[in-house]
Each structure stands twice: as C-alpha cells, then as structure tokens.
Amino acid sequence: MSLFSLIAVFLIEQLQPLSYRRVVVAPLSAWADFIESRFNAGEYRHGVIAWCLAVLLPVGMVAVLYGLLYSLNPLLAWAFNVVVLYLTMGFRQFSHHYTEIQLALRQGDLTQARALLGEWLGRSVSDLGSEDIARLSIEQALLASHRHVFAVLLWFVLLPGPCGAVLYRMSAVIAERWHNRNVTEHNVFFAFSRQVFGIIDWLPLRATAAVFAIVGDFEDAVYCWRTQADQWPERDQGIVLASGAGALGVQLGMPVLDDGLVTDRAALGTGDPADVDFMQSAVGLVWRATVMWIVLLFLLGLASLAG
C-alpha cells in the first residue's frame, strides 16, 4: 500500500502541483499561532503542552480516521494515504524554482536567475554571480529533497498509515514558526518544539545522507560527512549538505555576498566549483535516491507479504 500510495502521489503531483505555502504552510502556521496565543505563558512546560496539542492531537485524529476508513474498506484507507502524502511531501515544492534557475543560468540571464533564487530564498541576492547562484540552488535543492521527500517517506514507513507523514510535516512547520518567534522574543516556551523536532529529524537526516552516499560518490560523501558536517552553523543541515557535496563531487558552502555583506560559511565538499552542469548532476542524484527509496519500499512490501 505504501509503494502504490507513493507512485500515485508522484503522478498526481505532475498533473496538479500543490501550492504548498498557501495550502499547507499558511493553515499550519495559523494553527501554530492559535495554540501559541492560548498557551504561551513564557514557561518551558507550557511549550511542551502546547506542542503536544499542536502536533500529537492532529496525529492522533489522523490515526483514528485512518483506522476507521481501513475497517470500512482498505481502498478508502489507501485513498486517505494518497491525500495525506500529497499534502505533506512532493518534488514540486522546490523543483519548479530549481528548474527555472537552471534554465536562466544556461541562457546567461543572471538577472532572472537572481530574481528566481531571491524569491525562493525570501531575500535579496542581487550581488551573486553565476557560481554562487548555482551553489546556493544546489544546497536548497538537497535540503528541500530531504524535508519534502525523504524524511516524510521514512516517517510514513515507520508509523502506521499516514501518521508519520503528518507527524513530520506538522512538527517541522511548527518548529520553524515558533523558532522565528523565539528569535525576536527569546522565550523558553518555544524551545521544546526545536528540541523535539531535532529528535524526530535525527534518523531521517542520516538516512538521507546515507542514501546520497550510496547513489553518488560513496567514499567522498562519507569523508565529507564525517569531517565537514560539524563545521556548518546548523549541524543537522550540514550532514545532508556535506554528504550531498561529496556524493556530487562539488564545492558547496563557502562565503557568499548577502545584501552587500560577506556571509562566512564553511566549505563543504572536495570537488570542483559549482556551475549549471552540477545543478543537473544534483537532479540526477535526487532522482537516484528516490528510486532507491522506491526499491526499498517494494522490498519491504514483499517482506510483509511473505511474513
């Protein structure tokens, strides 16, 4: 059922891409703000209670609904799986930005490439050259493939029905939303959401990095993962980026101009400078990783049938 649900979602996404920010992020952000407004008394324990209500309550409701549908007809449960996966994962959450940037760079249109990347990142990148644009685009694509595809898939497999997919997506959105609030308010209420998401994302991060290594340059990917991930400001992101850089044989990270100021970033990878050709190589890496996940799901399905 998991494999067929995944294939159905891939097909639906190609026919009808989802407006992720409007359909998913906006409602979940509003839900996070609602819970925060009712429970934020500035205490850590209030943050724990608020997170449980904001995340575990919807996950429990999804579990009950899935069980009810499955008892009525397994096809209804399968359809519910497809709907939930369609809302919680997907290549099209990032691939259209990436493809358009790649096309603009191939055409030598730096102005358009900067505008597209700035829209994707949500900040001005008017000072960047073609190498910087390619490098940042590859980084964003690797991270987005983890957040929107591989991490959701792993939790989808680990928990029954669509519960895992809902758990990951809701905890990710709420952790990011409350983290942004914490940056300005420095309130311990928001701390738990980041801590628990770090636990939830611990295994998926390493699974994504491992798959990148397997389908890419294994030796370089493992070397970069072991020696460079800790140098990244957010080590969790560094695991995926370092492994991806090594698997591709490309240089990621490194200082870039950001609104006229140089942002110091650690160097990742041991290969050649990023360019538009490496952007295409990154697409191949992500697709090979996706095929590997599909094969693993198929084998898990066979094992369950044999059991």
Protein backbone atom coordinates (compact mmCIF):
# COMPACT_ATOMS: atom_id res chain seq x y z
CA MET A 1 0.00 0.00 0.00
CA SER A 2 2.84 2.40 0.82
CA LEU A 3 4.51 1.92 -2.57
CA PHE A 4 1.31 2.40 -4.55
CA SER A 5 0.43 5.46 -2.47
CA LEU A 6 3.82 6.97 -3.29
CA ILE A 7 3.51 6.27 -7.01
CA ALA A 8 0.02 7.78 -7.06
CA VAL A 9 1.26 10.95 -5.34
CA PHE A 10 4.11 11.34 -7.85
CA LEU A 11 1.65 11.07 -10.73
CA ILE A 12 -0.88 13.47 -9.20
CA GLU A 13 1.86 16.00 -8.50
CA GLN A 14 2.86 16.05 -12.14
CA LEU A 15 -0.74 16.69 -13.19
CA GLN A 16 -1.71 19.12 -10.43
CA PRO A 17 1.16 20.72 -8.47
CA LEU A 18 0.23 21.82 -4.97
CA SER A 19 0.59 25.42 -3.81
CA TYR A 20 2.49 24.34 -0.71
CA ARG A 21 2.75 27.69 1.05
CA ARG A 22 -0.90 28.55 0.58
CA VAL A 23 -2.46 25.12 1.15
CA VAL A 24 -0.13 23.67 3.79
CA VAL A 25 2.17 26.24 5.41
CA ALA A 26 -0.42 29.01 5.84
CA PRO A 27 -3.04 26.87 7.67
CA LEU A 28 -0.44 25.11 9.82
CA SER A 29 1.19 28.43 10.70
CA ALA A 30 -2.20 29.82 11.69
CA TRP A 31 -2.79 26.71 13.83
CA ALA A 32 0.62 27.17 15.48
CA ASP A 33 -0.13 30.83 16.19
CA PHE A 34 -3.52 29.92 17.66
CA ILE A 35 -2.03 27.34 20.05
CA GLU A 36 0.82 29.67 20.98
CA SER A 37 -1.56 32.53 21.74
CA ARG A 38 -3.53 30.32 24.14
CA PHE A 39 -0.65 28.62 25.98
CA ASN A 40 2.37 30.90 25.83
CA ALA A 41 2.94 31.99 29.42
CA GLY A 42 6.70 32.10 28.95
CA GLU A 43 7.39 28.75 30.62
CA TYR A 44 9.08 25.69 29.15
CA ARG A 45 6.37 23.32 30.43
CA HIS A 46 3.73 25.37 28.65
CA GLY A 47 5.66 24.86 25.44
CA VAL A 48 5.60 21.09 26.00
CA ILE A 49 1.83 21.09 26.48
CA ALA A 50 1.29 23.39 23.51
CA TRP A 51 3.43 21.20 21.22
CA CYS A 52 1.56 18.06 22.24
CA LEU A 53 -1.75 19.73 21.42
CA ALA A 54 -0.46 21.30 18.21
CA VAL A 55 1.15 18.13 16.84
CA LEU A 56 0.11 14.97 18.68
CA LEU A 57 -3.58 15.81 18.74
CA PRO A 58 -3.85 16.06 14.92
CA VAL A 59 -1.66 12.96 14.52
CA GLY A 60 -3.99 11.04 16.84
CA MET A 61 -7.04 12.24 14.90
CA VAL A 62 -5.44 11.12 11.63
CA ALA A 63 -4.70 7.70 13.17
CA VAL A 64 -8.31 7.27 14.28
CA LEU A 65 -9.66 8.34 10.88
CA TYR A 66 -7.26 6.02 9.05
CA GLY A 67 -8.26 3.08 11.26
CA LEU A 68 -11.94 3.81 10.70
CA LEU A 69 -11.50 4.01 6.92
CA TYR A 70 -9.45 0.82 6.87
CA SER A 71 -12.17 -1.04 8.80
CA LEU A 72 -14.72 0.10 6.24
CA ASN A 73 -12.65 -0.57 3.13
CA PRO A 74 -8.85 -0.77 2.64
CA LEU A 75 -9.23 1.22 -0.58
CA LEU A 76 -10.60 4.15 1.40
CA ALA A 77 -7.57 3.97 3.69
CA TRP A 78 -5.30 3.88 0.64
CA ALA A 79 -7.01 6.96 -0.80
CA PHE A 80 -6.56 8.73 2.54
CA ASN A 81 -2.86 7.83 2.44
CA VAL A 82 -2.56 9.41 -1.01
CA VAL A 83 -4.27 12.62 0.08
CA VAL A 84 -2.09 12.99 3.18
CA LEU A 85 1.13 12.28 1.27
CA TYR A 86 0.09 14.77 -1.42
CA LEU A 87 -0.22 17.44 1.28
CA THR A 88 2.92 16.57 3.24
CA MET A 89 5.57 15.82 0.60
CA GLY A 90 6.47 16.43 -3.01
CA PHE A 91 9.14 17.32 -5.51
CA ARG A 92 7.17 20.22 -6.87
CA GLN A 93 7.58 22.15 -3.62
CA PHE A 94 11.06 23.06 -4.86
CA SER A 95 11.66 21.63 -8.33
CA HIS A 96 9.99 24.44 -10.29
CA HIS A 97 12.25 27.06 -8.66
CA TYR A 98 15.29 24.92 -9.31
CA THR A 99 14.42 24.17 -12.94
CA GLU A 100 13.73 27.82 -13.77
CA ILE A 101 17.00 28.95 -12.17
CA GLN A 102 18.90 26.29 -14.08
CA LEU A 103 17.31 27.40 -17.36
CA ALA A 104 18.08 31.06 -16.69
CA LEU A 105 21.74 30.26 -15.98
CA ARG A 106 22.04 28.21 -19.17
CA GLN A 107 20.66 31.17 -21.11
CA GLY A 108 23.11 33.51 -19.39
CA ASP A 109 20.29 35.54 -17.82
CA LEU A 110 21.81 36.37 -14.43
CA THR A 111 19.16 38.95 -13.63
CA GLN A 112 16.38 36.40 -13.97
CA ALA A 113 18.36 33.75 -12.09
CA ARG A 114 18.94 36.16 -9.19
CA ALA A 115 15.26 37.11 -9.11
CA LEU A 116 14.17 33.46 -9.07
CA LEU A 117 16.65 32.49 -6.34
CA GLY A 118 15.71 35.54 -4.27
CA GLU A 119 12.04 34.54 -4.50
CA TRP A 120 12.91 31.00 -3.43
CA LEU A 121 15.09 32.07 -0.50
CA GLY A 122 12.90 35.01 0.50
CA ARG A 123 15.75 37.54 0.48
CA SER A 124 17.74 39.69 -1.93
CA VAL A 125 20.60 38.00 -3.82
CA SER A 126 21.35 40.84 -6.24
CA ASP A 127 25.13 40.62 -5.66
CA LEU A 128 25.55 36.94 -6.53
CA GLY A 129 27.39 35.62 -9.57
CA SER A 130 26.50 32.51 -11.56
CA GLU A 131 28.70 30.20 -9.44
CA ASP A 132 27.14 31.47 -6.20
CA ILE A 133 23.63 31.07 -7.63
CA ALA A 134 24.36 27.50 -8.73
CA ARG A 135 25.90 26.66 -5.35
CA LEU A 136 23.02 28.07 -3.29
CA SER A 137 20.45 26.44 -5.58
CA ILE A 138 22.07 23.02 -5.17
CA GLU A 139 22.16 23.48 -1.39
CA GLN A 140 18.50 24.43 -1.28
CA ALA A 141 17.54 21.51 -3.52
CA LEU A 142 19.40 18.97 -1.37
CA LEU A 143 17.80 20.29 1.82
CA ALA A 144 14.36 20.50 0.22
CA SER A 145 14.58 16.94 -1.10
CA HIS A 146 15.25 15.84 2.46
CA ARG A 147 12.45 17.91 4.02
CA HIS A 148 9.80 17.29 1.38
CA VAL A 149 10.56 13.78 0.17
CA PHE A 150 12.95 11.52 2.05
CA ALA A 151 12.21 12.48 5.67
CA VAL A 152 8.46 12.31 5.08
CA LEU A 153 8.85 8.93 3.37
CA LEU A 154 10.83 7.46 6.24
CA TRP A 155 8.29 8.50 8.85
CA PHE A 156 5.49 7.34 6.55
CA VAL A 157 7.06 3.88 6.65
CA LEU A 158 7.86 3.89 10.38
CA LEU A 159 4.37 4.74 11.69
CA PRO A 160 1.07 3.14 10.64
CA GLY A 161 -0.93 4.75 7.88
CA PRO A 162 -0.21 8.43 7.22
CA CYS A 163 0.58 9.24 10.89
CA GLY A 164 4.32 9.51 10.33
CA ALA A 165 3.97 11.90 7.41
CA VAL A 166 1.67 14.16 9.44
CA LEU A 167 3.98 14.00 12.47
CA TYR A 168 7.00 15.09 10.45
CA ARG A 169 5.33 17.85 8.46
CA MET A 170 3.47 19.41 11.39
CA SER A 171 6.45 19.27 13.73
CA ALA A 172 8.69 20.80 11.04
CA VAL A 173 6.34 23.71 10.29
CA ILE A 174 5.60 24.42 13.94
CA ALA A 175 9.27 24.23 14.96
CA GLU A 176 10.19 26.72 12.24
CA ARG A 177 7.27 29.01 13.04
CA TRP A 178 7.96 29.09 16.75
CA HIS A 179 11.70 29.38 16.17
CA ASN A 180 11.12 32.57 14.17
CA ARG A 181 9.10 33.93 17.07
CA ASN A 182 11.79 32.92 19.54
CA VAL A 183 14.46 34.83 17.62
CA THR A 184 12.68 38.09 18.45
CA GLU A 185 11.20 37.20 21.86
CA HIS A 186 13.86 34.87 23.40
CA ASN A 187 11.11 32.91 25.12
CA VAL A 188 11.77 29.42 26.54
CA PHE A 189 8.21 28.48 25.58
CA PHE A 190 9.47 27.87 22.05
CA ALA A 191 12.47 25.72 22.98
CA PHE A 192 10.74 22.34 23.18
CA SER A 193 9.43 22.44 19.61
CA ARG A 194 13.00 22.74 18.27
CA GLN A 195 14.32 20.07 20.61
CA VAL A 196 11.69 17.50 19.75
CA PHE A 197 11.97 18.20 16.03
CA GLY A 198 15.70 17.57 16.33
CA ILE A 199 14.85 14.14 17.74
CA ILE A 200 12.25 13.45 15.04
CA ASP A 201 14.65 14.50 12.27
CA TRP A 202 17.70 12.68 13.68
CA LEU A 203 17.20 9.41 11.81
CA PRO A 204 15.84 10.90 8.54
CA LEU A 205 18.84 13.25 8.24
CA ARG A 206 21.26 10.37 8.45
CA ALA A 207 19.16 8.17 6.19
CA THR A 208 19.13 10.91 3.53
CA ALA A 209 22.89 11.42 3.84
CA ALA A 210 23.47 7.65 3.63
CA VAL A 211 21.34 7.30 0.51
CA PHE A 212 23.15 10.22 -1.15
CA ALA A 213 26.41 8.43 -0.41
CA ILE A 214 25.17 5.10 -1.80
CA VAL A 215 23.87 6.53 -5.09
CA GLY A 216 26.76 9.01 -5.50
CA ASP A 217 30.48 9.00 -4.77
CA PHE A 218 30.37 6.92 -1.60
CA GLU A 219 33.93 7.48 -0.39
CA ASP A 220 33.88 11.27 -0.77
CA ALA A 221 30.36 11.55 0.64
CA VAL A 222 31.29 9.69 3.82
CA TYR A 223 34.54 11.63 4.17
CA CYS A 224 32.78 15.00 3.85
CA TRP A 225 30.00 13.89 6.19
CA ARG A 226 32.49 12.85 8.89
CA THR A 227 34.88 15.79 8.60
CA GLN A 228 32.79 18.78 7.47
CA ALA A 229 29.23 18.48 8.81
CA ASP A 230 30.21 19.82 12.25
CA GLN A 231 31.60 22.99 10.66
CA TRP A 232 28.19 24.05 9.34
CA PRO A 233 26.27 26.50 11.60
CA GLU A 234 23.35 24.07 11.81
CA ARG A 235 24.94 20.65 12.03
CA ASP A 236 21.73 18.87 11.03
CA GLN A 237 21.72 20.68 7.70
CA GLY A 238 25.47 20.15 7.46
CA ILE A 239 25.00 16.36 7.47
CA VAL A 240 22.84 16.45 4.33
CA LEU A 241 24.86 19.16 2.58
CA ALA A 242 28.26 17.64 3.29
CA SER A 243 27.17 14.19 2.16
CA GLY A 244 25.47 15.63 -0.93
CA ALA A 245 28.52 17.71 -1.82
CA GLY A 246 30.81 14.69 -1.52
CA ALA A 247 28.41 12.47 -3.48
CA LEU A 248 28.30 15.03 -6.31
CA GLY A 249 31.97 15.97 -6.24
CA VAL A 250 31.10 19.67 -5.98
CA GLN A 251 32.09 22.52 -3.70
CA LEU A 252 29.22 23.86 -1.60
CA GLY A 253 29.14 26.27 1.32
CA MET A 254 31.93 28.88 1.28
CA PRO A 255 31.45 32.66 1.77
CA VAL A 256 28.82 34.47 -0.31
CA LEU A 257 27.67 38.06 -0.66
CA ASP A 258 24.36 38.63 1.13
CA ASP A 259 22.82 42.10 0.77
CA GLY A 260 26.24 43.62 0.18
CA LEU A 261 27.86 41.84 3.15
CA VAL A 262 30.04 38.76 3.02
CA THR A 263 28.47 35.84 4.86
CA ASP A 264 31.16 33.50 6.16
CA ARG A 265 30.23 29.86 5.60
CA ALA A 266 32.27 26.68 5.94
CA ALA A 267 33.45 24.92 2.80
CA LEU A 268 31.70 21.63 2.03
CA GLY A 269 32.80 19.04 -0.49
CA THR A 270 36.17 18.34 -2.09
CA GLY A 271 35.31 18.66 -5.77
CA ASP A 272 35.01 21.34 -8.42
CA PRO A 273 33.29 24.73 -8.13
CA ALA A 274 29.52 24.65 -8.62
CA ASP A 275 28.07 25.53 -12.03
CA VAL A 276 24.93 24.87 -14.04
CA ASP A 277 26.18 21.39 -15.06
CA PHE A 278 26.44 20.39 -11.40
CA MET A 279 22.85 21.57 -10.99
CA GLN A 280 21.84 18.88 -13.47
CA SER A 281 24.02 16.35 -11.64
CA ALA A 282 22.18 17.21 -8.41
CA VAL A 283 18.87 16.44 -10.13
CA GLY A 284 20.24 13.02 -11.07
CA LEU A 285 21.42 12.41 -7.50
CA VAL A 286 18.00 13.19 -6.05
CA TRP A 287 16.21 11.00 -8.59
CA ARG A 288 18.57 8.09 -7.98
CA ALA A 289 17.97 8.48 -4.26
CA THR A 290 14.22 8.48 -4.89
CA VAL A 291 14.44 5.30 -6.96
CA MET A 292 16.38 3.66 -4.15
CA TRP A 293 13.63 4.60 -1.67
CA ILE A 294 11.02 3.13 -4.02
CA VAL A 295 13.00 -0.11 -4.31
CA LEU A 296 13.29 -0.29 -0.52
CA LEU A 297 9.54 0.21 -0.17
CA PHE A 298 8.96 -2.54 -2.72
CA LEU A 299 11.22 -4.93 -0.82
CA LEU A 300 9.51 -4.06 2.46
CA GLY A 301 6.17 -4.78 0.83
CA LEU A 302 7.38 -8.16 -0.38
CA ALA A 303 8.74 -8.97 3.07
CA SER A 304 5.41 -8.11 4.71
CA LEU A 305 3.54 -10.30 2.22
CA ALA A 306 5.93 -13.17 2.76
CA GLY A 307 5.52 -12.82 6.53
